[in-house]
Amino acid sequence: MKLFYSQESINDLIRLREFIEIKNPQAAKRIAQSIKKGINQLKSFPYLGVKVEQAPDPEIIRDIIIGNYTVRYLIRPKEITVLRIWHQKEQENRL
């Protein structure tokens, strides 16, 4: 499976890392690496996340929880696209 990131998910990672970096640069790096490692698992286990029931097609739109972060992704034949990434305290309105 190939892995792609939407522009929104890239912006999310940058935003999250910058927010954490203000108080703890080492934690920001560690959390970013942890999120990326969790996302990379999707290449081997694309259905690891839970279905997003409110999505038009819940079978292919899924969420995976990595620490305190939610990663929403889309499964297509031979590829996964990370759509959005957010902290669980943020609003979940990401479709």
Protein backbone atom coordinates (compact mmCIF):
# COMPACT_ATOMS: atom_id res chain seq x y z
CA MET A 1 0.00 0.00 0.00
CA LYS A 2 1.19 3.47 -0.83
CA LEU A 3 0.71 6.22 1.72
CA PHE A 4 -0.22 9.79 0.88
CA TYR A 5 -0.91 12.87 3.00
CA SER A 6 -3.51 15.47 2.09
CA GLN A 7 -2.36 19.08 2.32
CA GLU A 8 -4.73 19.49 5.29
CA SER A 9 -3.07 16.63 7.18
CA ILE A 10 0.39 18.09 6.52
CA ASN A 11 -0.84 21.44 7.83
CA ASP A 12 -2.31 19.63 10.87
CA LEU A 13 1.04 17.99 11.68
CA ILE A 14 2.87 21.30 11.35
CA ARG A 15 0.29 23.08 13.51
CA LEU A 16 0.35 20.42 16.23
CA ARG A 17 4.12 20.29 16.32
CA GLU A 18 4.46 24.09 16.48
CA PHE A 19 1.90 24.28 19.29
CA ILE A 20 3.73 21.68 21.42
CA GLU A 21 7.17 23.03 20.52
CA ILE A 22 6.47 26.31 22.31
CA LYS A 23 6.50 24.57 25.69
CA ASN A 24 8.52 21.43 24.98
CA PRO A 25 10.56 21.03 21.76
CA GLN A 26 11.62 17.47 22.60
CA ALA A 27 8.03 16.38 23.22
CA ALA A 28 6.97 17.95 19.92
CA LYS A 29 9.54 15.89 18.03
CA ARG A 30 8.67 12.71 19.93
CA ILE A 31 4.91 13.11 19.36
CA ALA A 32 5.36 13.85 15.64
CA GLN A 33 7.50 10.72 15.27
CA SER A 34 4.94 8.65 17.18
CA ILE A 35 2.11 9.85 14.94
CA LYS A 36 4.10 9.10 11.79
CA LYS A 37 5.03 5.64 13.08
CA GLY A 38 1.37 4.86 13.82
CA ILE A 39 0.35 6.08 10.38
CA ASN A 40 3.00 3.90 8.73
CA GLN A 41 1.37 0.82 10.31
CA LEU A 42 -1.60 1.47 8.05
CA LYS A 43 0.46 0.33 5.06
CA SER A 44 0.32 -3.22 6.41
CA PHE A 45 -2.97 -2.97 8.31
CA PRO A 46 -5.22 -0.51 6.46
CA TYR A 47 -8.39 -1.55 8.32
CA LEU A 48 -6.80 -1.03 11.74
CA GLY A 49 -8.85 2.09 12.42
CA VAL A 50 -12.53 2.29 13.29
CA LYS A 51 -15.18 3.19 10.72
CA VAL A 52 -16.37 6.80 10.69
CA GLU A 53 -20.10 6.10 10.78
CA GLN A 54 -21.11 9.63 9.74
CA ALA A 55 -18.97 9.40 6.58
CA PRO A 56 -20.65 8.81 3.21
CA ASP A 57 -18.82 5.45 3.01
CA PRO A 58 -17.75 4.34 6.51
CA GLU A 59 -15.98 1.28 5.15
CA ILE A 60 -13.26 3.40 3.54
CA ILE A 61 -13.11 6.43 5.88
CA ARG A 62 -11.56 5.44 9.19
CA ASP A 63 -10.02 6.88 12.33
CA ILE A 64 -7.03 5.54 14.18
CA ILE A 65 -6.11 6.78 17.66
CA ILE A 66 -2.40 7.35 18.27
CA GLY A 67 -1.81 8.49 21.82
CA ASN A 68 -4.03 11.56 22.26
CA TYR A 69 -4.33 12.14 18.52
CA THR A 70 -6.89 11.03 15.97
CA VAL A 71 -5.84 10.35 12.40
CA ARG A 72 -8.62 10.21 9.80
CA TYR A 73 -7.77 8.41 6.59
CA LEU A 74 -9.23 7.14 3.34
CA ILE A 75 -8.62 3.62 2.03
CA ARG A 76 -8.50 3.11 -1.72
CA PRO A 77 -7.23 0.14 -3.69
CA LYS A 78 -3.45 0.10 -3.24
CA GLU A 79 -3.30 3.45 -1.40
CA ILE A 80 -4.14 5.21 1.83
CA THR A 81 -4.58 8.96 2.12
CA VAL A 82 -4.28 10.62 5.51
CA LEU A 83 -7.01 13.25 5.52
CA ARG A 84 -6.72 15.03 8.88
CA ILE A 85 -4.91 14.80 12.23
CA TRP A 86 -6.07 16.39 15.47
CA HIS A 87 -5.71 16.22 19.25
CA GLN A 88 -8.65 14.58 20.98
CA LYS A 89 -9.43 17.84 22.82
CA GLU A 90 -9.99 19.59 19.50
CA GLN A 91 -13.35 19.53 17.77
CA GLU A 92 -13.89 16.37 15.72
CA ASN A 93 -15.57 18.06 12.75
CA ARG A 94 -13.04 16.83 10.15
CA LEU A 95 -15.00 15.33 7.24
